[in-house]
All heavy atoms as atom14 arrays in JSON, in Angstrom:
{
  "sequence": "GGGGGETMQVNIGDDWKDISGAQINIGDVWKVVSGVQIN",
  "atom14_mask": [
    [1, 1, 1, 1, 0, 0, 0, 0, 0, 0, 0, 0, 0, 0],
    [1, 1, 1, 1, 0, 0, 0, 0, 0, 0, 0, 0, 0, 0],
    [1, 1, 1, 1, 0, 0, 0, 0, 0, 0, 0, 0, 0, 0],
    [1, 1, 1, 1, 0, 0, 0, 0, 0, 0, 0, 0, 0, 0],
    [1, 1, 1, 1, 0, 0, 0, 0, 0, 0, 0, 0, 0, 0],
    [1, 1, 1, 1, 1, 1, 1, 1, 1, 0, 0, 0, 0, 0],
    [1, 1, 1, 1, 1, 1, 1, 0, 0, 0, 0, 0, 0, 0],
    [1, 1, 1, 1, 1, 1, 1, 1, 0, 0, 0, 0, 0, 0],
    [1, 1, 1, 1, 1, 1, 1, 1, 1, 0, 0, 0, 0, 0],
    [1, 1, 1, 1, 1, 1, 1, 0, 0, 0, 0, 0, 0, 0],
    [1, 1, 1, 1, 1, 1, 1, 1, 0, 0, 0, 0, 0, 0],
    [1, 1, 1, 1, 1, 1, 1, 1, 0, 0, 0, 0, 0, 0],
    [1, 1, 1, 1, 0, 0, 0, 0, 0, 0, 0, 0, 0, 0],
    [1, 1, 1, 1, 1, 1, 1, 1, 0, 0, 0, 0, 0, 0],
    [1, 1, 1, 1, 1, 1, 1, 1, 0, 0, 0, 0, 0, 0],
    [1, 1, 1, 1, 1, 1, 1, 1, 1, 1, 1, 1, 1, 1],
    [1, 1, 1, 1, 1, 1, 1, 1, 1, 0, 0, 0, 0, 0],
    [1, 1, 1, 1, 1, 1, 1, 1, 0, 0, 0, 0, 0, 0],
    [1, 1, 1, 1, 1, 1, 1, 1, 0, 0, 0, 0, 0, 0],
    [1, 1, 1, 1, 1, 1, 0, 0, 0, 0, 0, 0, 0, 0],
    [1, 1, 1, 1, 0, 0, 0, 0, 0, 0, 0, 0, 0, 0],
    [1, 1, 1, 1, 1, 0, 0, 0, 0, 0, 0, 0, 0, 0],
    [1, 1, 1, 1, 1, 1, 1, 1, 1, 0, 0, 0, 0, 0],
    [1, 1, 1, 1, 1, 1, 1, 1, 0, 0, 0, 0, 0, 0],
    [1, 1, 1, 1, 1, 1, 1, 1, 0, 0, 0, 0, 0, 0],
    [1, 1, 1, 1, 1, 1, 1, 1, 0, 0, 0, 0, 0, 0],
    [1, 1, 1, 1, 0, 0, 0, 0, 0, 0, 0, 0, 0, 0],
    [1, 1, 1, 1, 1, 1, 1, 1, 0, 0, 0, 0, 0, 0],
    [1, 1, 1, 1, 1, 1, 1, 0, 0, 0, 0, 0, 0, 0],
    [1, 1, 1, 1, 1, 1, 1, 1, 1, 1, 1, 1, 1, 1],
    [1, 1, 1, 1, 1, 1, 1, 1, 1, 0, 0, 0, 0, 0],
    [1, 1, 1, 1, 1, 1, 1, 0, 0, 0, 0, 0, 0, 0],
    [1, 1, 1, 1, 1, 1, 1, 0, 0, 0, 0, 0, 0, 0],
    [1, 1, 1, 1, 1, 1, 0, 0, 0, 0, 0, 0, 0, 0],
    [1, 1, 1, 1, 0, 0, 0, 0, 0, 0, 0, 0, 0, 0],
    [1, 1, 1, 1, 1, 1, 1, 0, 0, 0, 0, 0, 0, 0],
    [1, 1, 1, 1, 1, 1, 1, 1, 1, 0, 0, 0, 0, 0],
    [1, 1, 1, 1, 1, 1, 1, 1, 0, 0, 0, 0, 0, 0],
    [1, 1, 1, 1, 1, 1, 1, 1, 0, 0, 0, 0, 0, 0]
  ],
  "atom14_positions": [
    [[0.82, -1.2, 0.0], [0.0, 0.0, 0.0], [0.85, 1.24, 0.0], [1.91, 1.29, 0.62], [0.0, 0.0, 0.0], [0.0, 0.0, 0.0], [0.0, 0.0, 0.0], [0.0, 0.0, 0.0], [0.0, 0.0, 0.0], [0.0, 0.0, 0.0], [0.0, 0.0, 0.0], [0.0, 0.0, 0.0], [0.0, 0.0, 0.0], [0.0, 0.0, 0.0]],
    [[0.4, 2.29, -0.7], [1.07, 3.58, -0.65], [0.63, 4.36, 0.57], [-0.38, 4.07, 1.2], [0.0, 0.0, 0.0], [0.0, 0.0, 0.0], [0.0, 0.0, 0.0], [0.0, 0.0, 0.0], [0.0, 0.0, 0.0], [0.0, 0.0, 0.0], [0.0, 0.0, 0.0], [0.0, 0.0, 0.0], [0.0, 0.0, 0.0], [0.0, 0.0, 0.0]],
    [[1.38, 5.38, 0.92], [1.11, 6.13, 2.15], [-0.25, 6.79, 2.17], [-0.95, 6.71, 3.15], [0.0, 0.0, 0.0], [0.0, 0.0, 0.0], [0.0, 0.0, 0.0], [0.0, 0.0, 0.0], [0.0, 0.0, 0.0], [0.0, 0.0, 0.0], [0.0, 0.0, 0.0], [0.0, 0.0, 0.0], [0.0, 0.0, 0.0], [0.0, 0.0, 0.0]],
    [[-0.66, 7.45, 1.11], [-1.92, 8.19, 1.17], [-2.95, 7.74, 0.18], [-3.99, 8.35, 0.05], [0.0, 0.0, 0.0], [0.0, 0.0, 0.0], [0.0, 0.0, 0.0], [0.0, 0.0, 0.0], [0.0, 0.0, 0.0], [0.0, 0.0, 0.0], [0.0, 0.0, 0.0], [0.0, 0.0, 0.0], [0.0, 0.0, 0.0], [0.0, 0.0, 0.0]],
    [[-2.67, 6.65, -0.55], [-3.62, 6.13, -1.5], [-3.64, 6.87, -2.81], [-4.42, 6.55, -3.7], [0.0, 0.0, 0.0], [0.0, 0.0, 0.0], [0.0, 0.0, 0.0], [0.0, 0.0, 0.0], [0.0, 0.0, 0.0], [0.0, 0.0, 0.0], [0.0, 0.0, 0.0], [0.0, 0.0, 0.0], [0.0, 0.0, 0.0], [0.0, 0.0, 0.0]],
    [[-2.78, 7.9, -2.99], [-2.71, 8.64, -4.24], [-1.64, 8.02, -5.15], [-0.74, 7.31, -4.68], [-2.38, 10.1, -3.97], [-3.38, 10.82, -3.09], [-4.74, 10.95, -3.71], [-4.8, 11.0, -4.96], [-5.73, 10.99, -2.98], [0.0, 0.0, 0.0], [0.0, 0.0, 0.0], [0.0, 0.0, 0.0], [0.0, 0.0, 0.0], [0.0, 0.0, 0.0]],
    [[-1.73, 8.27, -6.43], [-0.76, 7.77, -7.39], [0.33, 8.81, -7.59], [0.05, 9.97, -7.87], [-1.43, 7.46, -8.74], [-2.45, 6.47, -8.54], [-0.41, 6.95, -9.74], [0.0, 0.0, 0.0], [0.0, 0.0, 0.0], [0.0, 0.0, 0.0], [0.0, 0.0, 0.0], [0.0, 0.0, 0.0], [0.0, 0.0, 0.0], [0.0, 0.0, 0.0]],
    [[1.59, 8.4, -7.46], [2.71, 9.29, -7.75], [3.02, 9.22, -9.25], [2.94, 8.15, -9.86], [3.94, 8.9, -6.93], [5.15, 9.78, -7.2], [6.57, 9.33, -6.19], [6.07, 10.05, -4.63], [0.0, 0.0, 0.0], [0.0, 0.0, 0.0], [0.0, 0.0, 0.0], [0.0, 0.0, 0.0], [0.0, 0.0, 0.0], [0.0, 0.0, 0.0]],
    [[3.38, 10.37, -9.83], [3.69, 10.43, -11.25], [5.02, 11.14, -11.48], [5.46, 11.94, -10.65], [2.59, 11.16, -12.02], [1.25, 10.43, -12.04], [0.24, 11.17, -12.89], [0.13, 12.38, -12.83], [-0.49, 10.42, -13.69], [0.0, 0.0, 0.0], [0.0, 0.0, 0.0], [0.0, 0.0, 0.0], [0.0, 0.0, 0.0], [0.0, 0.0, 0.0]],
    [[5.63, 10.85, -12.6], [6.84, 11.53, -13.04], [6.64, 11.93, -14.5], [6.0, 11.23, -15.26], [8.09, 10.63, -12.86], [7.98, 9.37, -13.7], [9.37, 11.39, -13.14], [0.0, 0.0, 0.0], [0.0, 0.0, 0.0], [0.0, 0.0, 0.0], [0.0, 0.0, 0.0], [0.0, 0.0, 0.0], [0.0, 0.0, 0.0], [0.0, 0.0, 0.0]],
    [[7.19, 13.1, -14.86], [7.03, 13.6, -16.22], [8.23, 13.19, -17.07], [9.37, 13.54, -16.75], [6.87, 15.13, -16.21], [6.44, 15.66, -17.57], [7.22, 15.63, -18.51], [5.21, 16.12, -17.65], [0.0, 0.0, 0.0], [0.0, 0.0, 0.0], [0.0, 0.0, 0.0], [0.0, 0.0, 0.0], [0.0, 0.0, 0.0], [0.0, 0.0, 0.0]],
    [[7.96, 12.45, -18.12], [9.0, 12.01, -19.07], [8.59, 12.47, -20.46], [7.59, 11.98, -21.01], [9.18, 10.49, -19.04], [9.54, 10.01, -17.62], [10.26, 10.05, -20.02], [9.59, 8.52, -17.46], [0.0, 0.0, 0.0], [0.0, 0.0, 0.0], [0.0, 0.0, 0.0], [0.0, 0.0, 0.0], [0.0, 0.0, 0.0], [0.0, 0.0, 0.0]],
    [[9.35, 13.43, -21.01], [9.04, 13.92, -22.36], [7.65, 14.5, -22.47], [6.92, 14.22, -23.43], [0.0, 0.0, 0.0], [0.0, 0.0, 0.0], [0.0, 0.0, 0.0], [0.0, 0.0, 0.0], [0.0, 0.0, 0.0], [0.0, 0.0, 0.0], [0.0, 0.0, 0.0], [0.0, 0.0, 0.0], [0.0, 0.0, 0.0], [0.0, 0.0, 0.0]],
    [[7.27, 15.34, -21.48], [5.94, 15.96, -21.43], [4.81, 14.94, -21.31], [3.65, 15.23, -21.64], [5.69, 16.86, -22.66], [6.49, 18.14, -22.58], [6.84, 18.56, -21.43], [6.76, 18.73, -23.63], [0.0, 0.0, 0.0], [0.0, 0.0, 0.0], [0.0, 0.0, 0.0], [0.0, 0.0, 0.0], [0.0, 0.0, 0.0], [0.0, 0.0, 0.0]],
    [[5.13, 13.73, -20.85], [4.1, 12.7, -20.66], [4.19, 12.23, -19.21], [5.23, 11.75, -18.76], [4.34, 11.53, -21.62], [3.2, 10.52, -21.6], [2.12, 10.84, -21.06], [3.39, 9.41, -22.12], [0.0, 0.0, 0.0], [0.0, 0.0, 0.0], [0.0, 0.0, 0.0], [0.0, 0.0, 0.0], [0.0, 0.0, 0.0], [0.0, 0.0, 0.0]],
    [[3.08, 12.34, -18.46], [3.08, 11.93, -17.07], [2.89, 10.42, -16.97], [1.96, 9.86, -17.55], [1.97, 12.65, -16.29], [2.3, 14.1, -16.04], [1.89, 15.17, -16.77], [3.16, 14.59, -15.01], [2.42, 16.33, -16.26], [3.2, 16.01, -15.17], [3.86, 14.02, -13.96], [3.94, 16.83, -14.32], [4.6, 14.84, -13.12], [4.63, 16.22, -13.3]],
    [[3.79, 9.79, -16.22], [3.76, 8.34, -16.05], [3.5, 8.01, -14.58], [4.11, 8.59, -13.67], [5.1, 7.71, -16.46], [5.53, 8.02, -17.89], [4.7, 7.26, -18.89], [5.26, 7.42, -20.3], [4.46, 6.69, -21.3], [0.0, 0.0, 0.0], [0.0, 0.0, 0.0], [0.0, 0.0, 0.0], [0.0, 0.0, 0.0], [0.0, 0.0, 0.0]],
    [[2.58, 7.04, -14.34], [2.34, 6.58, -12.98], [3.53, 5.79, -12.47], [4.15, 5.01, -13.2], [1.1, 5.69, -12.92], [-0.19, 6.47, -13.12], [-0.15, 7.71, -13.03], [-1.23, 5.82, -13.36], [0.0, 0.0, 0.0], [0.0, 0.0, 0.0], [0.0, 0.0, 0.0], [0.0, 0.0, 0.0], [0.0, 0.0, 0.0], [0.0, 0.0, 0.0]],
    [[3.84, 5.97, -11.18], [4.87, 5.18, -10.51], [4.17, 4.26, -9.52], [3.49, 4.71, -8.61], [5.88, 6.08, -9.76], [6.59, 7.0, -10.74], [6.88, 5.23, -8.98], [7.51, 7.99, -10.06], [0.0, 0.0, 0.0], [0.0, 0.0, 0.0], [0.0, 0.0, 0.0], [0.0, 0.0, 0.0], [0.0, 0.0, 0.0], [0.0, 0.0, 0.0]],
    [[4.32, 2.94, -9.72], [3.65, 1.98, -8.84], [4.43, 1.69, -7.58], [3.92, 1.11, -6.63], [3.4, 0.67, -9.59], [4.63, 0.12, -10.04], [0.0, 0.0, 0.0], [0.0, 0.0, 0.0], [0.0, 0.0, 0.0], [0.0, 0.0, 0.0], [0.0, 0.0, 0.0], [0.0, 0.0, 0.0], [0.0, 0.0, 0.0], [0.0, 0.0, 0.0]],
    [[5.71, 2.1, -7.53], [6.53, 1.85, -6.36], [7.8, 2.67, -6.42], [8.19, 3.15, -7.49], [0.0, 0.0, 0.0], [0.0, 0.0, 0.0], [0.0, 0.0, 0.0], [0.0, 0.0, 0.0], [0.0, 0.0, 0.0], [0.0, 0.0, 0.0], [0.0, 0.0, 0.0], [0.0, 0.0, 0.0], [0.0, 0.0, 0.0], [0.0, 0.0, 0.0]],
    [[8.44, 2.87, -5.3], [9.68, 3.64, -5.26], [10.63, 3.02, -4.25], [10.2, 2.4, -3.27], [9.38, 5.1, -4.88], [0.0, 0.0, 0.0], [0.0, 0.0, 0.0], [0.0, 0.0, 0.0], [0.0, 0.0, 0.0], [0.0, 0.0, 0.0], [0.0, 0.0, 0.0], [0.0, 0.0, 0.0], [0.0, 0.0, 0.0], [0.0, 0.0, 0.0]],
    [[11.94, 3.18, -4.5], [12.95, 2.67, -3.59], [14.03, 3.72, -3.39], [14.22, 4.61, -4.22], [13.59, 1.39, -4.15], [12.64, 0.19, -4.21], [13.36, -1.06, -4.66], [14.23, -1.03, -5.53], [12.99, -2.18, -4.07], [0.0, 0.0, 0.0], [0.0, 0.0, 0.0], [0.0, 0.0, 0.0], [0.0, 0.0, 0.0], [0.0, 0.0, 0.0]],
    [[14.72, 3.62, -2.25], [15.83, 4.51, -1.95], [17.0, 3.65, -1.5], [16.82, 2.62, -0.85], [15.44, 5.54, -0.86], [16.55, 6.56, -0.66], [15.08, 4.85, 0.44], [16.14, 7.72, 0.25], [0.0, 0.0, 0.0], [0.0, 0.0, 0.0], [0.0, 0.0, 0.0], [0.0, 0.0, 0.0], [0.0, 0.0, 0.0], [0.0, 0.0, 0.0]],
    [[18.22, 4.07, -1.89], [19.41, 3.3, -1.56], [20.05, 3.85, -0.29], [20.41, 5.01, -0.21], [20.42, 3.34, -2.71], [21.56, 2.36, -2.51], [22.4, 2.55, -1.64], [21.59, 1.32, -3.33], [0.0, 0.0, 0.0], [0.0, 0.0, 0.0], [0.0, 0.0, 0.0], [0.0, 0.0, 0.0], [0.0, 0.0, 0.0], [0.0, 0.0, 0.0]],
    [[20.14, 2.98, 0.73], [20.76, 3.35, 2.0], [21.85, 2.33, 2.29], [21.57, 1.15, 2.5], [19.73, 3.37, 3.15], [18.59, 4.35, 2.84], [20.4, 3.73, 4.47], [17.46, 4.31, 3.84], [0.0, 0.0, 0.0], [0.0, 0.0, 0.0], [0.0, 0.0, 0.0], [0.0, 0.0, 0.0], [0.0, 0.0, 0.0], [0.0, 0.0, 0.0]],
    [[23.09, 2.78, 2.27], [24.2, 1.87, 2.55], [24.29, 0.72, 1.58], [24.53, -0.42, 1.98], [0.0, 0.0, 0.0], [0.0, 0.0, 0.0], [0.0, 0.0, 0.0], [0.0, 0.0, 0.0], [0.0, 0.0, 0.0], [0.0, 0.0, 0.0], [0.0, 0.0, 0.0], [0.0, 0.0, 0.0], [0.0, 0.0, 0.0], [0.0, 0.0, 0.0]],
    [[24.08, 1.03, 0.31], [24.11, 0.0, -0.76], [23.01, -1.04, -0.64], [23.11, -2.13, -1.21], [25.48, -0.7, -0.8], [26.57, 0.18, -1.39], [26.24, 1.13, -2.14], [27.73, -0.07, -1.12], [0.0, 0.0, 0.0], [0.0, 0.0, 0.0], [0.0, 0.0, 0.0], [0.0, 0.0, 0.0], [0.0, 0.0, 0.0], [0.0, 0.0, 0.0]],
    [[21.96, -0.74, 0.11], [20.79, -1.62, 0.21], [19.56, -0.83, -0.23], [19.31, 0.27, 0.27], [20.59, -2.13, 1.65], [19.32, -2.97, 1.74], [21.8, -2.94, 2.11], [0.0, 0.0, 0.0], [0.0, 0.0, 0.0], [0.0, 0.0, 0.0], [0.0, 0.0, 0.0], [0.0, 0.0, 0.0], [0.0, 0.0, 0.0], [0.0, 0.0, 0.0]],
    [[18.82, -1.38, -1.2], [17.62, -0.71, -1.69], [16.45, -0.99, -0.75], [16.15, -2.13, -0.43], [17.28, -1.17, -3.11], [18.21, -0.59, -4.13], [19.3, -1.17, -4.68], [18.12, 0.72, -4.69], [19.92, -0.31, -5.56], [19.22, 0.87, -5.58], [17.25, 1.8, -4.52], [19.44, 2.03, -6.31], [17.47, 2.96, -5.24], [18.56, 3.06, -6.13]],
    [[15.78, 0.08, -0.3], [14.65, 0.0, 0.61], [13.4, 0.5, -0.09], [13.43, 1.52, -0.79], [14.89, 0.86, 1.86], [16.16, 0.53, 2.64], [16.03, -0.78, 3.38], [17.23, -0.99, 4.29], [17.11, -2.26, 5.06], [0.0, 0.0, 0.0], [0.0, 0.0, 0.0], [0.0, 0.0, 0.0], [0.0, 0.0, 0.0], [0.0, 0.0, 0.0]],
    [[12.29, -0.23, 0.09], [11.02, 0.18, -0.5], [10.47, 1.39, 0.24], [10.44, 1.41, 1.47], [9.99, -0.97, -0.46], [8.63, -0.49, -0.94], [10.47, -2.12, -1.33], [0.0, 0.0, 0.0], [0.0, 0.0, 0.0], [0.0, 0.0, 0.0], [0.0, 0.0, 0.0], [0.0, 0.0, 0.0], [0.0, 0.0, 0.0], [0.0, 0.0, 0.0]],
    [[10.06, 2.42, -0.52], [9.43, 3.61, 0.05], [7.93, 3.36, 0.07], [7.3, 3.16, -0.96], [9.75, 4.86, -0.79], [9.01, 6.08, -0.23], [11.24, 5.11, -0.84], [0.0, 0.0, 0.0], [0.0, 0.0, 0.0], [0.0, 0.0, 0.0], [0.0, 0.0, 0.0], [0.0, 0.0, 0.0], [0.0, 0.0, 0.0], [0.0, 0.0, 0.0]],
    [[7.34, 3.32, 1.28], [5.92, 3.01, 1.41], [5.04, 4.25, 1.38], [3.82, 4.15, 1.29], [5.67, 2.24, 2.71], [6.08, 2.99, 3.82], [0.0, 0.0, 0.0], [0.0, 0.0, 0.0], [0.0, 0.0, 0.0], [0.0, 0.0, 0.0], [0.0, 0.0, 0.0], [0.0, 0.0, 0.0], [0.0, 0.0, 0.0], [0.0, 0.0, 0.0]],
    [[5.64, 5.46, 1.46], [4.85, 6.68, 1.41], [5.73, 7.9, 1.34], [6.93, 7.84, 1.64], [0.0, 0.0, 0.0], [0.0, 0.0, 0.0], [0.0, 0.0, 0.0], [0.0, 0.0, 0.0], [0.0, 0.0, 0.0], [0.0, 0.0, 0.0], [0.0, 0.0, 0.0], [0.0, 0.0, 0.0], [0.0, 0.0, 0.0], [0.0, 0.0, 0.0]],
    [[5.16, 9.02, 0.87], [5.91, 10.26, 0.73], [5.11, 11.39, 1.38], [3.89, 11.47, 1.22], [6.16, 10.6, -0.76], [6.87, 11.93, -0.9], [6.97, 9.49, -1.43], [0.0, 0.0, 0.0], [0.0, 0.0, 0.0], [0.0, 0.0, 0.0], [0.0, 0.0, 0.0], [0.0, 0.0, 0.0], [0.0, 0.0, 0.0], [0.0, 0.0, 0.0]],
    [[5.8, 12.26, 2.14], [5.16, 13.4, 2.77], [5.92, 14.68, 2.43], [7.12, 14.65, 2.17], [5.12, 13.23, 4.3], [4.23, 12.09, 4.78], [4.18, 12.03, 6.3], [5.2, 12.18, 6.96], [3.0, 11.82, 6.86], [0.0, 0.0, 0.0], [0.0, 0.0, 0.0], [0.0, 0.0, 0.0], [0.0, 0.0, 0.0], [0.0, 0.0, 0.0]],
    [[5.19, 15.81, 2.45], [5.8, 17.13, 2.32], [5.32, 17.99, 3.49], [4.25, 17.76, 4.05], [5.46, 17.81, 0.98], [3.96, 18.01, 0.82], [6.05, 17.04, -0.2], [3.59, 18.83, -0.41], [0.0, 0.0, 0.0], [0.0, 0.0, 0.0], [0.0, 0.0, 0.0], [0.0, 0.0, 0.0], [0.0, 0.0, 0.0], [0.0, 0.0, 0.0]],
    [[6.14, 18.99, 3.84], [5.81, 19.86, 4.96], [5.21, 21.17, 4.43], [5.84, 21.88, 3.65], [7.06, 20.16, 5.8], [6.72, 20.87, 7.1], [6.36, 22.03, 7.08], [6.86, 20.16, 8.2], [0.0, 0.0, 0.0], [0.0, 0.0, 0.0], [0.0, 0.0, 0.0], [0.0, 0.0, 0.0], [0.0, 0.0, 0.0], [0.0, 0.0, 0.0]]
  ]
}
């Protein structure tokens, strides 16, 4: 499940693409990002 139930998108060549999942590398280990927040 994503953090807020919304779909994250990225713009590639003026075309918005849905991202079904995201990962971040910490100490050469990829970790799944379960949600994103902004302040």
